[in-house]
């Protein structure tokens, strides 16, 4: 602390001159190891380095200017909106405020972390409201916006403006919604609100940011064909969506190169043109009166339109049959086995809980069989997904790696465990394990800001749902029966409709494949 104030620019420059000498340099070159790539010689590297030195020496390099342009994140003269309605949410110890422009704001003050506020914002529609031809550009638009700055500042200038301020504001556009995620320290509440307003009203779409993205993506895509897991993912997305851009995980180089800032900006601005159907949720250590006043000033003045922006059902229809696909890629002597059960779902709270418990029970059975009894896999993963937008549906995904010689045996063992759960239901021991897991997980989650911000958002976007599902969780778990889980397995683990994918090394491919 005593040395820094005494240090001068002259001192630093003298140290640089002493360290950056010509007699102690090491040049390291990193390049792709490909058969068709010529490796430069030492003389080649020396020549390239000396040419670069000559260019630098010939330039008239001015001292670095780190100045940030004048101007705020939002325009002057914003007038706070009215508050149309205030509703208490006693089940969550939270409050909902409806502003004059229709924006809803949910506030829950907590003391779980004294230096944290987390937030989310959700509006229906998302990429379901754009055409297939616009889908890829729409999926990229928010990413480029976050790399381009706001309010006339590029990202570098914005980073300087926010230096030392713990605040993160990130817009997104997903398949079914658009909105924001982020966090900030309580002292930065106004900065966060200003950033939200700016990403609505004055986003930037910087050609340089787009160019960087395009360069990164084209370099990445050039090597994807050699990645075994990519071949597996492509087989999966082709099965569930053909060549639809809505299910493809990877764009083509041509699609990346065709992106323009104009198209991205138009798609982004359309998604954020109407704030009237947005729900903002803030959870953490904040002053409720301050947050209310900031919401009135920065969220209550967001633009609105009169339009229907409900989420549309535009996704491809998955096959109504059993699909078995083998993929051959790579040289590693191991296989990846991926089994996906899927289909429509009754989205009632009782069904969601039964589905969640069923996934946990299936996970226990598969670990006991494939790992402990058969010794065939190290760590099988069993995951469940439940969605109600655009239509209620569910998935159960089982994935593991194993010896290629045992891939079919172990994949069949998954089906055997599914059949066992459908026929016999869970054991009493597994029922007790799962109920305890659910209770403990809920108990831990209830003391986190992340749980509450997601919960308040979830129920706020679904008027037919009741927050009492959260407070009644333990009672609902206690009332869950083995029959409930067995019936969920019979409904959702359909042995007449699932997809199985096995990734093998290339040397296992049959002739002609």
Protein backbone atom coordinates (compact mmCIF):
# COMPACT_ATOMS: atom_id res chain seq x y z
CA UNK A 1 0.00 0.00 0.00
CA UNK A 2 2.96 2.35 0.61
CA UNK A 3 4.72 1.54 -2.69
CA UNK A 4 1.92 2.13 -5.21
CA UNK A 5 1.44 5.88 -4.57
CA UNK A 6 5.18 6.46 -5.06
CA UNK A 7 5.36 4.56 -8.38
CA UNK A 8 5.55 6.69 -11.55
CA UNK A 9 5.01 6.07 -15.25
CA UNK A 10 8.75 6.55 -15.77
CA UNK A 11 9.48 3.75 -13.30
CA UNK A 12 7.13 1.36 -15.14
CA UNK A 13 8.51 2.23 -18.57
CA UNK A 14 12.08 1.72 -17.36
CA UNK A 15 11.12 -1.74 -16.08
CA UNK A 16 9.51 -2.61 -19.42
CA UNK A 17 12.62 -1.53 -21.32
CA UNK A 18 14.72 -3.76 -19.05
CA UNK A 19 12.48 -6.82 -19.37
CA UNK A 20 11.58 -6.66 -23.07
CA UNK A 21 15.07 -7.07 -24.49
CA UNK A 22 16.10 -8.76 -27.74
CA UNK A 23 18.58 -11.15 -26.15
CA UNK A 24 16.23 -13.17 -23.93
CA UNK A 25 13.23 -13.99 -26.08
CA UNK A 26 11.54 -17.34 -26.63
CA UNK A 27 9.01 -17.65 -29.46
CA UNK A 28 6.51 -20.50 -29.12
CA UNK A 29 4.23 -21.44 -32.02
CA UNK A 30 1.09 -23.55 -31.59
CA UNK A 31 -0.63 -25.04 -34.61
CA UNK A 32 -3.04 -27.78 -35.67
CA UNK A 33 -1.48 -31.21 -36.10
CA UNK A 34 -2.89 -32.29 -39.47
CA UNK A 35 -1.36 -34.46 -42.16
CA UNK A 36 -1.89 -31.77 -44.83
CA UNK A 37 -0.37 -28.93 -42.77
CA UNK A 38 3.27 -27.95 -43.37
CA UNK A 39 5.20 -27.24 -40.18
CA UNK A 40 7.15 -23.95 -40.37
CA UNK A 41 10.88 -24.14 -39.84
CA UNK A 42 12.80 -22.15 -37.23
CA UNK A 43 13.86 -19.77 -39.99
CA UNK A 44 10.23 -19.29 -41.06
CA UNK A 45 9.20 -18.44 -37.50
CA UNK A 46 12.12 -16.04 -37.08
CA UNK A 47 11.23 -14.28 -40.33
CA UNK A 48 7.57 -13.90 -39.36
CA UNK A 49 8.54 -12.50 -35.96
CA UNK A 50 11.01 -10.03 -37.45
CA UNK A 51 8.43 -8.84 -40.01
CA UNK A 52 5.97 -8.21 -37.18
CA UNK A 53 8.64 -6.29 -35.27
CA UNK A 54 9.32 -4.13 -38.30
CA UNK A 55 5.63 -3.30 -38.70
CA UNK A 56 5.37 -2.30 -35.04
CA UNK A 57 8.53 -0.18 -35.25
CA UNK A 58 7.19 1.70 -38.27
CA UNK A 59 3.85 2.57 -36.67
CA UNK A 60 3.20 5.84 -34.92
CA UNK A 61 1.70 4.26 -31.81
CA UNK A 62 -0.05 6.74 -29.55
CA UNK A 63 -0.42 6.28 -25.77
CA UNK A 64 -3.42 4.14 -24.84
CA UNK A 65 -6.58 6.16 -24.32
CA UNK A 66 -8.88 4.41 -21.87
CA UNK A 67 -11.41 7.20 -21.75
CA UNK A 68 -15.10 6.29 -21.75
CA UNK A 69 -17.46 8.39 -23.80
CA UNK A 70 -19.89 10.64 -22.02
CA UNK A 71 -23.54 9.76 -21.75
CA UNK A 72 -25.68 7.57 -19.54
CA UNK A 73 -27.15 4.13 -19.95
CA UNK A 74 -30.68 5.53 -20.21
CA UNK A 75 -32.09 8.83 -21.51
CA UNK A 76 -32.67 11.71 -19.12
CA UNK A 77 -36.18 12.65 -18.12
CA UNK A 78 -37.80 9.26 -17.55
CA UNK A 79 -41.01 9.63 -15.57
CA UNK A 80 -41.84 6.88 -13.04
CA UNK A 81 -44.91 4.88 -13.97
CA UNK A 82 -47.93 4.40 -11.78
CA UNK A 83 -48.55 1.27 -9.73
CA UNK A 84 -51.79 -0.31 -10.90
CA UNK A 85 -52.01 -3.13 -8.38
CA UNK A 86 -50.14 -4.73 -5.47
CA UNK A 87 -50.74 -8.35 -4.53
CA UNK A 88 -49.25 -10.18 -1.58
CA UNK A 89 -47.98 -13.74 -2.13
CA UNK A 90 -48.03 -15.13 1.42
CA UNK A 91 -46.99 -18.66 0.42
CA UNK A 92 -43.64 -17.24 -0.70
CA UNK A 93 -43.47 -14.21 1.58
CA UNK A 94 -43.28 -12.12 -1.60
CA UNK A 95 -45.13 -9.27 -3.31
CA UNK A 96 -46.25 -8.72 -6.91
CA UNK A 97 -46.52 -5.20 -8.30
CA UNK A 98 -48.24 -4.40 -11.60
CA UNK A 99 -46.92 -1.23 -13.24
CA UNK A 100 -48.74 1.19 -15.48
CA UNK A 101 -47.40 -0.38 -18.70
CA UNK A 102 -48.51 -3.88 -17.67
CA UNK A 103 -45.10 -5.09 -16.50
CA UNK A 104 -45.37 -7.36 -13.46
CA UNK A 105 -42.62 -7.31 -10.83
CA UNK A 106 -42.26 -9.95 -8.11
CA UNK A 107 -40.10 -9.06 -5.10
CA UNK A 108 -38.90 -11.41 -2.37
CA UNK A 109 -36.52 -10.04 0.23
CA UNK A 110 -34.18 -12.65 1.80
CA UNK A 111 -31.15 -12.83 4.06
CA UNK A 112 -29.62 -16.00 2.61
CA UNK A 113 -26.74 -13.95 1.17
CA UNK A 114 -26.23 -10.36 2.27
CA UNK A 115 -24.43 -9.35 -0.94
CA UNK A 116 -26.65 -10.98 -3.57
CA UNK A 117 -29.75 -10.20 -5.59
CA UNK A 118 -30.69 -12.57 -8.42
CA UNK A 119 -33.33 -11.87 -11.02
CA UNK A 120 -35.04 -13.26 -14.04
CA UNK A 121 -37.54 -11.92 -16.56
CA UNK A 122 -39.83 -13.96 -18.78
CA UNK A 123 -42.11 -13.17 -21.70
CA UNK A 124 -43.89 -15.82 -23.82
CA UNK A 125 -43.23 -16.24 -27.53
CA UNK A 126 -39.53 -16.65 -28.11
CA UNK A 127 -38.38 -18.29 -31.31
CA UNK A 128 -41.77 -19.91 -31.81
CA UNK A 129 -42.80 -16.53 -33.23
CA UNK A 130 -40.14 -16.50 -35.98
CA UNK A 131 -40.03 -18.50 -39.21
CA UNK A 132 -37.82 -21.53 -39.74
CA UNK A 133 -35.61 -19.41 -42.02
CA UNK A 134 -35.12 -16.85 -39.23
CA UNK A 135 -34.66 -19.39 -36.43
CA UNK A 136 -30.87 -19.56 -36.37
CA UNK A 137 -30.43 -15.78 -36.55
CA UNK A 138 -33.04 -15.37 -33.83
CA UNK A 139 -31.21 -17.83 -31.60
CA UNK A 140 -27.98 -15.82 -31.97
CA UNK A 141 -29.43 -12.30 -31.67
CA UNK A 142 -29.33 -11.95 -27.88
CA UNK A 143 -25.80 -13.35 -27.74
CA UNK A 144 -24.52 -10.75 -30.18
CA UNK A 145 -26.41 -8.05 -28.28
CA UNK A 146 -24.59 -8.97 -25.06
CA UNK A 147 -21.24 -8.75 -26.89
CA UNK A 148 -22.01 -5.40 -28.52
CA UNK A 149 -22.70 -3.06 -25.60
CA UNK A 150 -25.67 -0.71 -25.20
CA UNK A 151 -26.64 2.94 -25.44
CA UNK A 152 -24.03 3.77 -28.07
CA UNK A 153 -21.19 2.13 -26.13
CA UNK A 154 -19.44 -0.93 -27.52
CA UNK A 155 -18.73 -3.80 -25.15
CA UNK A 156 -15.26 -2.52 -24.26
CA UNK A 157 -16.61 0.89 -23.28
CA UNK A 158 -19.47 -0.69 -21.36
CA UNK A 159 -17.05 -2.90 -19.45
CA UNK A 160 -15.05 0.21 -18.51
CA UNK A 161 -18.22 1.97 -17.38
CA UNK A 162 -19.11 -1.04 -15.20
CA UNK A 163 -15.59 -1.65 -13.88
CA UNK A 164 -15.72 -2.57 -10.21
CA UNK A 165 -19.51 -2.88 -10.21
CA UNK A 166 -20.72 -6.43 -9.42
CA UNK A 167 -23.63 -6.57 -11.85
CA UNK A 168 -24.59 -9.03 -14.59
CA UNK A 169 -27.52 -8.50 -16.97
CA UNK A 170 -27.98 -10.96 -19.83
CA UNK A 171 -30.88 -10.95 -22.31
CA UNK A 172 -31.90 -14.25 -23.90
CA UNK A 173 -34.25 -15.56 -26.58
CA UNK A 174 -35.16 -19.25 -26.24
CA UNK A 175 -37.49 -21.50 -28.20
CA UNK A 176 -40.53 -20.52 -26.14
CA UNK A 177 -39.72 -17.23 -24.42
CA UNK A 178 -37.49 -14.20 -24.22
CA UNK A 179 -36.23 -12.34 -21.19
CA UNK A 180 -33.30 -11.74 -18.88
CA UNK A 181 -31.18 -13.45 -16.28
CA UNK A 182 -28.69 -11.82 -13.98
CA UNK A 183 -27.49 -10.86 -10.54
CA UNK A 184 -26.05 -7.85 -8.73
CA UNK A 185 -24.95 -6.65 -5.35
CA UNK A 186 -27.58 -4.55 -3.56
CA UNK A 187 -25.57 -1.36 -4.06
CA UNK A 188 -25.81 -1.86 -7.84
CA UNK A 189 -29.59 -2.18 -8.07
CA UNK A 190 -29.98 1.03 -10.08
CA UNK A 191 -27.19 0.10 -12.48
CA UNK A 192 -28.85 -3.28 -13.10
CA UNK A 193 -32.23 -1.64 -13.76
CA UNK A 194 -30.62 0.84 -16.15
CA UNK A 195 -28.94 -2.00 -18.05
CA UNK A 196 -32.24 -3.85 -18.38
CA UNK A 197 -33.88 -0.70 -19.75
CA UNK A 198 -30.98 -0.15 -22.16
CA UNK A 199 -31.08 -3.72 -23.51
CA UNK A 200 -34.76 -3.13 -24.30
CA UNK A 201 -34.55 0.38 -25.72
CA UNK A 202 -31.01 0.97 -27.03
CA UNK A 203 -29.19 -2.32 -27.74
CA UNK A 204 -26.12 -2.24 -29.97
CA UNK A 205 -25.36 -4.66 -32.78
CA UNK A 206 -21.68 -4.21 -33.40
CA UNK A 207 -20.26 -5.51 -36.69
CA UNK A 208 -16.97 -6.27 -34.94
CA UNK A 209 -18.75 -8.40 -32.32
CA UNK A 210 -20.59 -10.30 -35.04
CA UNK A 211 -17.34 -10.77 -36.95
CA UNK A 212 -15.66 -12.27 -33.90
CA UNK A 213 -18.57 -14.64 -33.38
CA UNK A 214 -18.52 -15.71 -37.03
CA UNK A 215 -14.76 -16.35 -36.94
CA UNK A 216 -15.06 -18.43 -33.78
CA UNK A 217 -17.99 -20.45 -35.09
CA UNK A 218 -16.54 -21.18 -38.51
CA UNK A 219 -13.32 -22.38 -36.88
CA UNK A 220 -15.32 -24.58 -34.52
CA UNK A 221 -17.59 -25.97 -37.23
CA UNK A 222 -14.61 -26.88 -39.42
CA UNK A 223 -13.55 -29.52 -36.88
CA UNK A 224 -16.92 -30.83 -35.72
CA UNK A 225 -17.09 -33.67 -38.21
CA UNK A 226 -14.20 -35.35 -36.41
CA UNK A 227 -15.84 -35.28 -32.95
CA UNK A 228 -17.56 -38.57 -32.04
CA UNK A 229 -20.08 -37.01 -29.64
CA UNK A 230 -21.16 -34.58 -32.35
CA UNK A 231 -22.01 -37.50 -34.63
CA UNK A 232 -24.13 -38.92 -31.80
CA UNK A 233 -25.93 -35.61 -31.25
CA UNK A 234 -26.63 -35.28 -34.96
CA UNK A 235 -28.18 -38.74 -35.05
CA UNK A 236 -30.41 -37.76 -32.15
CA UNK A 237 -31.53 -34.43 -33.63
CA UNK A 238 -32.17 -36.01 -37.04
CA UNK A 239 -34.38 -38.61 -35.37
CA UNK A 240 -36.45 -36.04 -33.51
CA UNK A 241 -36.59 -33.27 -36.09
CA UNK A 242 -35.14 -34.31 -39.42
CA UNK A 243 -33.27 -31.31 -40.83
CA UNK A 244 -35.41 -28.74 -39.01
CA UNK A 245 -33.34 -25.79 -37.76
CA UNK A 246 -35.43 -25.92 -34.58
CA UNK A 247 -33.83 -29.19 -33.48
CA UNK A 248 -30.40 -29.03 -35.14
CA UNK A 249 -27.70 -28.32 -32.58
CA UNK A 250 -25.11 -27.00 -35.03
CA UNK A 251 -25.57 -24.48 -37.85
CA UNK A 252 -23.82 -24.71 -41.19
CA UNK A 253 -20.88 -22.48 -42.06
CA UNK A 254 -23.08 -20.84 -44.72
CA UNK A 255 -25.70 -19.95 -42.09
CA UNK A 256 -23.06 -18.40 -39.84
CA UNK A 257 -21.52 -16.40 -42.68
CA UNK A 258 -24.95 -15.14 -43.81
CA UNK A 259 -25.69 -13.40 -40.49
CA UNK A 260 -25.98 -9.62 -40.63
CA UNK A 261 -26.26 -7.07 -37.85
CA UNK A 262 -29.40 -5.70 -39.50
CA UNK A 263 -31.21 -9.04 -39.40
CA UNK A 264 -30.11 -9.76 -35.84
CA UNK A 265 -31.18 -6.33 -34.65
CA UNK A 266 -34.61 -6.60 -36.28
CA UNK A 267 -35.29 -10.02 -34.73
CA UNK A 268 -34.06 -8.94 -31.30
CA UNK A 269 -36.03 -5.69 -31.25
CA UNK A 270 -39.19 -7.55 -32.28
CA UNK A 271 -38.84 -9.96 -29.36
CA UNK A 272 -38.34 -7.09 -26.90
CA UNK A 273 -40.81 -4.67 -28.48
CA UNK A 274 -43.62 -5.38 -26.02
CA UNK A 275 -42.85 -5.34 -22.30
CA UNK A 276 -46.49 -5.59 -21.27
CA UNK A 277 -46.37 -9.40 -20.98
CA UNK A 278 -43.07 -9.49 -19.07
CA UNK A 279 -42.74 -10.80 -15.53
CA UNK A 280 -39.65 -9.62 -13.62
CA UNK A 281 -38.66 -11.46 -10.44
CA UNK A 282 -36.07 -10.17 -7.96
CA UNK A 283 -34.96 -12.20 -4.96
CA UNK A 284 -32.27 -11.31 -2.45
CA UNK A 285 -30.97 -8.75 0.00
CA UNK A 286 -32.52 -5.47 -1.16
CA UNK A 287 -34.65 -2.64 0.15
CA UNK A 288 -38.23 -3.25 -1.10
CA UNK A 289 -39.09 0.45 -1.33
CA UNK A 290 -35.94 1.19 -3.36
CA UNK A 291 -36.63 -1.73 -5.71
CA UNK A 292 -40.22 -0.61 -6.18
CA UNK A 293 -39.14 2.94 -7.06
CA UNK A 294 -36.45 1.69 -9.45
CA UNK A 295 -38.97 -0.63 -11.11
CA UNK A 296 -41.39 2.25 -11.62
CA UNK A 297 -38.66 4.37 -13.21
CA UNK A 298 -36.84 1.85 -15.39
CA UNK A 299 -39.29 -1.04 -15.96
CA UNK A 300 -42.52 0.95 -15.96
CA UNK A 301 -41.19 3.06 -18.84
CA UNK A 302 -40.34 0.15 -21.15
CA UNK A 303 -42.01 0.07 -24.59
CA UNK A 304 -45.28 -1.80 -25.11
CA UNK A 305 -47.45 -2.90 -28.02
CA UNK A 306 -50.91 -4.34 -28.33
CA UNK A 307 -50.24 -7.78 -29.81
CA UNK A 308 -50.78 -11.48 -29.21
CA UNK A 309 -47.39 -12.99 -28.48
CA UNK A 310 -48.34 -16.37 -27.04
CA UNK A 311 -45.97 -19.28 -27.61
CA UNK A 312 -46.81 -21.29 -30.73
CA UNK A 313 -46.42 -25.05 -31.27
CA UNK A 314 -44.07 -25.15 -34.26
CA UNK A 315 -41.67 -27.95 -33.24
CA UNK A 316 -41.33 -31.04 -35.45
CA UNK A 317 -43.32 -34.12 -34.43
CA UNK A 318 -41.10 -36.91 -33.03
CA UNK A 319 -41.52 -40.49 -34.31
CA UNK A 320 -44.33 -42.54 -32.80
CA UNK A 321 -42.27 -45.73 -32.80
CA UNK A 322 -39.13 -47.37 -31.45
CA UNK A 323 -35.97 -45.99 -33.07
CA UNK A 324 -32.64 -47.85 -32.86
CA UNK A 325 -29.58 -46.15 -34.38
CA UNK A 326 -25.92 -47.09 -34.33
CA UNK A 327 -23.28 -44.41 -34.97
CA UNK A 328 -19.63 -45.12 -35.86
CA UNK A 329 -17.13 -42.34 -35.16
CA UNK A 330 -13.75 -41.94 -33.51
CA UNK A 331 -10.99 -44.29 -32.44
CA UNK A 332 -11.45 -44.48 -28.65
CA UNK A 333 -12.30 -48.06 -27.56
CA UNK A 334 -15.52 -47.13 -25.80
CA UNK A 335 -19.18 -46.70 -26.59
CA UNK A 336 -21.74 -44.14 -25.48
CA UNK A 337 -25.30 -45.43 -25.06
CA UNK A 338 -28.16 -42.94 -25.02
CA UNK A 339 -31.79 -43.99 -24.49
CA UNK A 340 -34.59 -41.42 -24.66
CA UNK A 341 -38.18 -42.01 -23.58
CA UNK A 342 -40.56 -39.22 -24.58
CA UNK A 343 -44.15 -38.26 -25.14
CA UNK A 344 -47.05 -36.09 -24.02
CA UNK A 345 -47.62 -35.44 -20.33
CA UNK A 346 -50.38 -34.60 -17.90
CA UNK A 347 -48.82 -31.47 -16.38
CA UNK A 348 -50.77 -31.49 -13.12
CA UNK A 349 -48.60 -30.96 -10.00
CA UNK A 350 -49.27 -34.51 -8.80
CA UNK A 351 -48.09 -35.90 -12.15
CA UNK A 352 -44.96 -33.76 -12.14
CA UNK A 353 -44.05 -35.01 -8.67
CA UNK A 354 -44.74 -38.63 -9.62
CA UNK A 355 -42.62 -38.22 -12.76
CA UNK A 356 -39.76 -36.70 -10.75
CA UNK A 357 -39.89 -39.54 -8.22
CA UNK A 358 -40.12 -42.14 -11.00
CA UNK A 359 -36.94 -40.79 -12.59
CA UNK A 360 -35.12 -41.05 -9.26
CA UNK A 361 -36.30 -44.63 -8.72
CA UNK A 362 -35.26 -45.63 -12.23
CA UNK A 363 -31.86 -44.08 -11.60
CA UNK A 364 -31.38 -46.19 -8.47
CA UNK A 365 -32.41 -49.39 -10.28
CA UNK A 366 -30.11 -48.73 -13.23
CA UNK A 367 -27.14 -47.92 -11.01
CA UNK A 368 -27.71 -51.07 -8.96
CA UNK A 369 -27.99 -53.27 -12.06
CA UNK A 370 -25.56 -51.81 -14.62
CA UNK A 371 -22.88 -50.60 -12.21
CA UNK A 372 -23.05 -52.78 -9.11
CA UNK A 373 -24.44 -56.09 -10.38
CA UNK A 374 -23.05 -56.21 -13.93
CA UNK A 375 -19.99 -53.99 -13.38
CA UNK A 376 -20.53 -52.63 -16.88
CA UNK A 377 -20.61 -48.87 -16.34
CA UNK A 378 -19.05 -46.45 -13.92
CA UNK A 379 -21.58 -43.63 -13.65
CA UNK A 380 -24.89 -43.98 -15.51
CA UNK A 381 -26.90 -40.74 -15.69
CA UNK A 382 -30.71 -40.75 -15.55
CA UNK A 383 -32.42 -37.39 -16.05
CA UNK A 384 -36.00 -36.26 -16.45
CA UNK A 385 -37.39 -33.20 -18.20
CA UNK A 386 -40.90 -31.80 -17.95
CA UNK A 387 -42.19 -28.90 -20.07
CA UNK A 388 -45.59 -27.35 -20.67
CA UNK A 389 -44.65 -24.97 -23.48
CA UNK A 390 -45.60 -25.14 -26.26
CA UNK A 391 -47.45 -28.34 -25.23
CA UNK A 392 -47.09 -30.52 -22.11
CA UNK A 393 -44.45 -33.18 -22.72
CA UNK A 394 -41.75 -35.10 -20.91
CA UNK A 395 -38.49 -36.91 -21.50
CA UNK A 396 -36.45 -39.44 -19.54
CA UNK A 397 -32.84 -39.75 -20.70
CA UNK A 398 -30.48 -42.57 -19.72
CA UNK A 399 -26.82 -42.20 -20.73
CA UNK A 400 -23.58 -44.05 -19.97
CA UNK A 401 -20.28 -45.10 -21.50
CA UNK A 402 -19.10 -48.70 -21.64
CA UNK A 403 -17.05 -51.35 -23.44
CA UNK A 404 -18.29 -51.56 -27.07
CA UNK A 405 -18.58 -55.34 -26.71
CA UNK A 406 -21.16 -54.85 -23.94
CA UNK A 407 -23.09 -51.91 -25.38
CA UNK A 408 -26.12 -53.89 -26.59
CA UNK A 409 -26.25 -56.00 -23.43
CA UNK A 410 -26.25 -52.94 -21.19
CA UNK A 411 -28.68 -51.01 -23.40
CA UNK A 412 -31.04 -53.99 -23.16
CA UNK A 413 -30.57 -53.95 -19.38
CA UNK A 414 -31.98 -50.42 -19.31
CA UNK A 415 -35.12 -51.69 -21.03
CA UNK A 416 -35.28 -54.58 -18.53
CA UNK A 417 -35.24 -52.14 -15.62
CA UNK A 418 -37.93 -50.02 -17.28
CA UNK A 419 -40.06 -53.13 -17.73
CA UNK A 420 -39.47 -54.08 -14.10
CA UNK A 421 -40.60 -50.66 -12.90
CA UNK A 422 -43.66 -50.78 -15.13
CA UNK A 423 -44.60 -54.30 -13.97
CA UNK A 424 -43.71 -54.24 -10.29
CA UNK A 425 -43.38 -50.61 -9.27
CA UNK A 426 -40.63 -49.45 -6.89
CA UNK A 427 -39.46 -51.43 -3.87
CA UNK A 428 -40.30 -50.12 -0.42
CA UNK A 429 -36.59 -49.46 0.14
CA UNK A 430 -36.31 -47.37 -3.00
CA UNK A 431 -39.52 -45.51 -2.17
CA UNK A 432 -38.05 -44.52 1.19
CA UNK A 433 -34.75 -43.44 -0.43
CA UNK A 434 -36.46 -41.28 -3.03
CA UNK A 435 -38.84 -39.62 -0.60
CA UNK A 436 -35.93 -38.72 1.66
CA UNK A 437 -33.93 -37.38 -1.33
CA UNK A 438 -36.85 -35.20 -2.41
CA UNK A 439 -37.40 -33.82 1.08
CA UNK A 440 -33.73 -33.05 1.68
CA UNK A 441 -33.32 -31.42 -1.72
CA UNK A 442 -36.35 -29.21 -1.09
CA UNK A 443 -35.15 -28.30 2.40
CA UNK A 444 -31.80 -27.14 1.00
CA UNK A 445 -33.36 -25.31 -1.96
CA UNK A 446 -35.73 -23.31 0.23
CA UNK A 447 -32.72 -21.43 1.64
CA UNK A 448 -31.37 -20.27 -1.73
CA UNK A 449 -32.19 -17.22 -3.83
CA UNK A 450 -31.94 -19.27 -7.02
CA UNK A 451 -34.76 -21.60 -5.99
CA UNK A 452 -37.11 -18.77 -5.16
CA UNK A 453 -36.42 -16.69 -8.26
CA UNK A 454 -37.17 -19.72 -10.46
CA UNK A 455 -40.20 -20.75 -8.39
CA UNK A 456 -41.78 -17.29 -8.36
CA UNK A 457 -41.18 -16.98 -12.10
CA UNK A 458 -42.62 -20.45 -12.81
CA UNK A 459 -45.85 -19.88 -10.90
CA UNK A 460 -46.14 -16.27 -12.02
CA UNK A 461 -46.21 -17.36 -15.66
CA UNK A 462 -48.91 -19.98 -14.97
CA UNK A 463 -52.08 -18.43 -13.53
CA UNK A 464 -53.72 -21.83 -13.08
CA UNK A 465 -50.92 -23.02 -10.78
CA UNK A 466 -50.89 -22.37 -7.03
CA UNK A 467 -47.87 -21.43 -4.94
CA UNK A 468 -49.24 -23.66 -2.18
CA UNK A 469 -47.64 -26.53 -4.10
CA UNK A 470 -44.35 -25.29 -2.65
CA UNK A 471 -45.48 -24.99 0.95
CA UNK A 472 -47.30 -28.34 0.73
CA UNK A 473 -44.33 -30.13 -0.83
CA UNK A 474 -43.44 -32.32 2.16
CA UNK A 475 -47.05 -33.39 2.58
CA UNK A 476 -47.35 -34.22 -1.10
CA UNK A 477 -44.16 -36.27 -0.95
CA UNK A 478 -45.42 -38.12 2.13
CA UNK A 479 -48.66 -38.97 0.30
CA UNK A 480 -46.83 -40.31 -2.76
CA UNK A 481 -47.35 -44.07 -3.18
CA UNK A 482 -45.58 -46.86 -5.02
CA UNK A 483 -48.66 -47.14 -7.23
CA UNK A 484 -48.30 -43.47 -8.24
CA UNK A 485 -44.76 -44.13 -9.41
CA UNK A 486 -45.67 -47.37 -11.16
CA UNK A 487 -48.48 -45.63 -13.02
CA UNK A 488 -46.10 -42.84 -14.01
CA UNK A 489 -43.71 -45.46 -15.41
CA UNK A 490 -46.52 -47.06 -17.37
CA UNK A 491 -47.59 -43.67 -18.76
CA UNK A 492 -44.21 -42.13 -19.48
CA UNK A 493 -41.73 -44.96 -20.04
CA UNK A 494 -43.42 -46.17 -23.20
CA UNK A 495 -41.72 -49.28 -24.59
CA UNK A 496 -43.53 -48.77 -27.88
CA UNK A 497 -42.04 -45.30 -28.35
CA UNK A 498 -38.45 -44.55 -27.42
CA UNK A 499 -35.13 -43.93 -29.16
CA UNK A 500 -31.81 -45.69 -28.52
CA UNK A 501 -28.48 -44.51 -29.88
CA UNK A 502 -25.16 -46.34 -29.55
CA UNK A 503 -21.88 -44.68 -30.50
CA UNK A 504 -19.18 -47.15 -31.56
CA UNK A 505 -15.55 -46.63 -32.64
CA UNK A 506 -15.18 -46.37 -36.40
CA UNK A 507 -13.39 -49.70 -36.64
CA UNK A 508 -16.63 -51.42 -35.54
CA UNK A 509 -18.55 -50.14 -38.56
CA UNK A 510 -20.00 -52.81 -40.87
CA UNK A 511 -18.70 -52.79 -44.42
CA UNK A 512 -20.16 -49.95 -46.45
CA UNK A 513 -20.90 -47.65 -43.50
